[in-house]
């Protein structure tokens, strides 16, 4: 049964629009927990455009769900991760000017840098996931450096239609099979929504989806609790 991790970054995006206290990110996390999600994800970006350091500490202190901290290989953020000890850290690529994460981490090309971060996090008892493209060379790199999880970047799948989307879905299926076969736990995320998640949920060996923007967008109209419940039904079909 596939798990649902809910990314609440964009609750913080709305708060930061006025640099105030509302909406409360911790309250969002507690609603997500009550709605039956399996985990909370937050991305502490280097530019702190949405989630702030205090959010991460506060959420870790007050929720009972597993916390997944998305992060770049940045020393100050690695320090925070080693201090709060989230259940999982997902290492992602990060560009200052991007609107959202634009692709998977080049774990193979940046092997030494990423491997050092993986080792440091694991020495603190934190499980590590690498956010990568559905590419065997990247999967091999994740395995070789000892990551327990990969999270397959589903952005291309989410942003295409028709035959191109089916081709990308097939590529993801093959990658999930390969990763599972060498002992990695397979998650997926980016661009998944209430329309395209159902096909992704049919992919064998998927363990968890991390979904944020679509859930928060729907919550504007239905409320956060209802938005999480509806997505969970899709993921669990």
Protein backbone atom coordinates (compact mmCIF):
# COMPACT_ATOMS: atom_id res chain seq x y z
CA UNK A 1 0.00 0.00 0.00
CA UNK A 2 1.51 3.32 -1.10
CA UNK A 3 2.02 5.95 1.59
CA UNK A 4 1.23 9.65 1.24
CA UNK A 5 3.69 12.26 2.40
CA UNK A 6 2.27 15.78 2.28
CA UNK A 7 4.56 18.69 1.50
CA UNK A 8 3.37 21.83 3.29
CA UNK A 9 5.91 24.29 1.85
CA UNK A 10 3.25 26.38 0.15
CA UNK A 11 1.42 27.09 3.37
CA UNK A 12 4.63 28.88 4.27
CA UNK A 13 4.72 30.51 0.81
CA UNK A 14 1.37 32.14 1.57
CA UNK A 15 2.56 33.26 5.00
CA UNK A 16 5.77 34.73 3.61
CA UNK A 17 3.82 36.79 1.08
CA UNK A 18 3.15 39.21 3.96
CA UNK A 19 5.99 38.10 6.23
CA UNK A 20 3.48 37.55 9.02
CA UNK A 21 2.26 34.68 11.17
CA UNK A 22 -0.66 33.41 9.08
CA UNK A 23 -1.31 30.78 7.93
CA UNK A 24 0.38 28.78 10.67
CA UNK A 25 2.60 26.05 9.21
CA UNK A 26 2.43 23.94 12.37
CA UNK A 27 -1.37 24.06 12.30
CA UNK A 28 -1.22 22.81 8.71
CA UNK A 29 1.03 19.93 9.76
CA UNK A 30 -1.37 18.95 12.55
CA UNK A 31 -4.36 19.01 10.17
CA UNK A 32 -2.45 16.86 7.67
CA UNK A 33 -1.67 14.43 10.48
CA UNK A 34 -5.32 14.31 11.58
CA UNK A 35 -6.45 13.70 7.97
CA UNK A 36 -4.47 10.47 7.86
CA UNK A 37 -1.33 11.32 5.92
CA UNK A 38 1.66 9.07 6.49
CA UNK A 39 4.28 11.79 6.73
CA UNK A 40 5.08 15.50 6.55
CA UNK A 41 7.60 16.90 4.07
CA UNK A 42 9.18 20.35 4.19
CA UNK A 43 11.92 21.79 1.98
CA UNK A 44 14.26 24.11 3.83
CA UNK A 45 15.72 26.00 0.88
CA UNK A 46 19.00 27.88 1.02
CA UNK A 47 17.20 31.19 0.32
CA UNK A 48 14.49 30.42 2.94
CA UNK A 49 11.79 31.52 0.50
CA UNK A 50 9.06 29.61 2.33
CA UNK A 51 9.91 27.19 5.16
CA UNK A 52 12.04 28.80 7.89
CA UNK A 53 14.42 27.19 10.36
CA UNK A 54 11.93 27.73 13.18
CA UNK A 55 9.23 25.88 11.21
CA UNK A 56 11.37 22.77 10.98
CA UNK A 57 12.16 22.76 14.70
CA UNK A 58 8.54 23.45 15.62
CA UNK A 59 7.09 20.76 13.37
CA UNK A 60 9.58 18.14 14.54
CA UNK A 61 8.73 18.93 18.15
CA UNK A 62 4.95 18.75 17.84
CA UNK A 63 4.02 16.11 15.26
CA UNK A 64 4.01 12.36 15.66
CA UNK A 65 4.22 11.61 11.93
CA UNK A 66 7.59 10.96 10.31
CA UNK A 67 9.25 14.18 9.12
CA UNK A 68 10.99 14.23 5.75
CA UNK A 69 13.35 17.19 5.33
CA UNK A 70 14.16 18.08 1.73
CA UNK A 71 17.51 19.82 1.47
CA UNK A 72 20.45 20.67 -0.75
CA UNK A 73 24.03 19.72 0.13
CA UNK A 74 24.44 22.96 2.06
CA UNK A 75 26.53 22.94 5.22
CA UNK A 76 24.19 25.11 7.28
CA UNK A 77 21.16 23.00 6.40
CA UNK A 78 23.05 19.77 7.03
CA UNK A 79 23.88 21.20 10.46
CA UNK A 80 20.19 21.83 11.14
CA UNK A 81 19.26 18.32 9.99
CA UNK A 82 21.88 16.82 12.30
CA UNK A 83 20.46 18.87 15.16
CA UNK A 84 16.76 18.07 14.79
CA UNK A 85 17.17 14.47 13.48
CA UNK A 86 14.23 14.13 11.06
CA UNK A 87 13.18 10.61 10.13
CA UNK A 88 14.41 11.10 6.58
CA UNK A 89 16.40 13.67 4.64
CA UNK A 90 15.82 13.86 0.90
CA UNK A 91 18.76 15.43 -0.89
CA UNK A 92 17.63 17.56 -3.82
CA UNK A 93 19.32 19.87 -6.32
CA UNK A 94 18.73 23.56 -5.83
CA UNK A 95 19.12 26.68 -7.97
CA UNK A 96 18.54 30.10 -6.45
CA UNK A 97 16.50 31.49 -9.35
CA UNK A 98 14.28 28.46 -10.02
CA UNK A 99 10.60 28.69 -9.16
CA UNK A 100 10.51 25.05 -8.11
CA UNK A 101 12.92 22.12 -8.33
CA UNK A 102 13.64 21.67 -12.02
CA UNK A 103 15.04 18.15 -12.15
CA UNK A 104 16.73 15.35 -10.32
CA UNK A 105 19.97 15.44 -8.39
CA UNK A 106 23.09 14.47 -10.37
CA UNK A 107 24.21 11.97 -7.77
CA UNK A 108 26.59 10.27 -10.20
CA UNK A 109 28.23 13.52 -11.33
CA UNK A 110 28.50 14.94 -7.80
CA UNK A 111 29.23 11.63 -6.13
CA UNK A 112 31.89 12.77 -3.66
CA UNK A 113 29.92 15.79 -2.42
CA UNK A 114 26.65 13.92 -2.03
CA UNK A 115 28.26 10.83 -0.47
CA UNK A 116 29.84 12.94 2.27
CA UNK A 117 26.43 14.42 3.17
CA UNK A 118 24.80 10.97 3.10
CA UNK A 119 27.46 9.64 5.50
CA UNK A 120 27.14 12.58 7.86
CA UNK A 121 23.34 12.28 8.05
CA UNK A 122 23.41 8.52 8.51
CA UNK A 123 25.95 8.86 11.31
CA UNK A 124 23.19 10.74 13.16
CA UNK A 125 20.70 7.93 12.54
CA UNK A 126 18.86 9.75 9.74
CA UNK A 127 17.67 7.74 6.74
CA UNK A 128 18.59 9.29 3.39
CA UNK A 129 16.73 9.55 0.10
CA UNK A 130 18.08 11.00 -3.15
CA UNK A 131 15.72 12.87 -5.46
CA UNK A 132 16.84 11.63 -8.88
CA UNK A 133 15.74 11.10 -12.46
CA UNK A 134 14.53 7.61 -13.45
CA UNK A 135 17.99 6.73 -14.75
CA UNK A 136 19.96 3.62 -13.85
CA UNK A 137 23.29 5.43 -13.50
CA UNK A 138 21.76 7.73 -10.87
CA UNK A 139 20.13 4.78 -9.13
CA UNK A 140 23.46 2.95 -9.04
CA UNK A 141 25.13 6.02 -7.52
CA UNK A 142 22.46 6.19 -4.80
CA UNK A 143 22.99 2.52 -3.99
CA UNK A 144 26.78 2.81 -3.96
CA UNK A 145 26.78 5.71 -1.53
CA UNK A 146 24.46 3.85 0.82
CA UNK A 147 21.18 5.76 0.52
CA UNK A 148 18.20 3.77 1.77
CA UNK A 149 15.67 5.46 -0.53
CA UNK A 150 15.38 7.15 -3.88
CA UNK A 151 12.62 9.55 -4.86
CA UNK A 152 11.98 9.45 -8.58
CA UNK A 153 11.43 12.88 -10.14
CA UNK A 154 8.01 12.70 -11.82
CA UNK A 155 8.03 16.22 -13.24
CA UNK A 156 8.39 15.22 -16.89
CA UNK A 157 5.59 12.68 -16.51
CA UNK A 158 3.37 15.29 -14.88
CA UNK A 159 4.05 17.98 -17.49
CA UNK A 160 3.45 15.92 -20.63
CA UNK A 161 0.41 14.29 -22.19
CA UNK A 162 -0.53 11.44 -24.47
CA UNK A 163 2.21 9.26 -25.90
CA UNK A 164 5.03 11.26 -24.29
CA UNK A 165 3.47 10.81 -20.86
CA UNK A 166 3.07 7.06 -21.44
CA UNK A 167 6.72 6.84 -22.48
CA UNK A 168 7.80 8.64 -19.33
CA UNK A 169 5.57 6.40 -17.23
CA UNK A 170 7.26 3.37 -18.76
CA UNK A 171 10.67 4.85 -17.96
CA UNK A 172 9.59 5.33 -14.34
CA UNK A 173 8.29 1.76 -14.17
CA UNK A 174 11.61 0.41 -15.41
CA UNK A 175 13.55 2.58 -12.97
CA UNK A 176 11.36 1.50 -10.04
CA UNK A 177 11.86 -2.16 -10.94
CA UNK A 178 15.61 -1.69 -11.23
CA UNK A 179 15.93 0.20 -7.95
CA UNK A 180 13.79 -2.32 -6.10
CA UNK A 181 15.89 -5.12 -7.54
CA UNK A 182 19.09 -3.73 -6.03
CA UNK A 183 17.52 -3.14 -2.63
CA UNK A 184 16.43 0.51 -2.68
CA UNK A 185 13.06 1.74 -1.41
CA UNK A 186 11.30 3.72 -4.12
CA UNK A 187 9.39 6.97 -3.55
CA UNK A 188 8.18 9.44 -6.17
CA UNK A 189 7.11 13.04 -6.42
CA UNK A 190 6.94 16.38 -8.21
CA UNK A 191 3.96 17.60 -10.18
CA UNK A 192 1.67 14.80 -9.04
CA UNK A 193 -1.95 15.92 -8.78
CA UNK A 194 -5.52 14.67 -8.52
CA UNK A 195 -5.54 13.66 -12.20
CA UNK A 196 -2.17 12.07 -12.90
CA UNK A 197 -1.45 10.30 -9.60
CA UNK A 198 -3.74 7.35 -10.27
CA UNK A 199 -1.57 5.93 -13.08
CA UNK A 200 1.53 6.49 -11.00
CA UNK A 201 -0.09 4.55 -8.16
CA UNK A 202 -0.26 1.54 -10.45
CA UNK A 203 3.55 1.43 -10.78
CA UNK A 204 4.94 -1.62 -9.00
CA UNK A 205 7.27 -1.18 -6.01
CA UNK A 206 6.23 2.39 -5.18
CA UNK A 207 6.50 3.01 -1.44
CA UNK A 208 5.48 6.66 -0.95
CA UNK A 209 4.42 9.72 -2.91
CA UNK A 210 5.39 13.18 -1.71
CA UNK A 211 2.76 15.65 -2.93
CA UNK A 212 2.43 19.30 -2.00
CA UNK A 213 1.40 21.99 -4.44
CA UNK A 214 -1.69 20.22 -5.74
CA UNK A 215 -2.97 19.42 -2.24
CA UNK A 216 -2.44 22.96 -0.97
CA UNK A 217 -4.07 24.36 -4.12
CA UNK A 218 -7.16 22.21 -3.63
CA UNK A 219 -7.23 23.11 0.04
CA UNK A 220 -7.95 26.73 -0.93
CA UNK A 221 -11.40 25.55 -2.06
CA UNK A 222 -12.12 22.45 0.05
CA UNK A 223 -10.04 22.86 3.19
CA UNK A 224 -6.79 21.09 3.92
CA UNK A 225 -8.28 18.11 5.75
CA UNK A 226 -10.58 17.25 2.83
CA UNK A 227 -7.81 17.77 0.26
CA UNK A 228 -5.54 15.28 2.06
CA UNK A 229 -8.32 12.72 2.47
CA UNK A 230 -9.16 12.87 -1.23
CA UNK A 231 -5.55 12.45 -2.32
CA UNK A 232 -5.06 9.59 0.07
CA UNK A 233 -7.98 7.77 -1.56
CA UNK A 234 -6.33 8.13 -4.97
CA UNK A 235 -2.96 6.93 -3.70
CA UNK A 236 -4.48 3.92 -1.93
CA UNK A 237 -6.70 2.67 -4.79
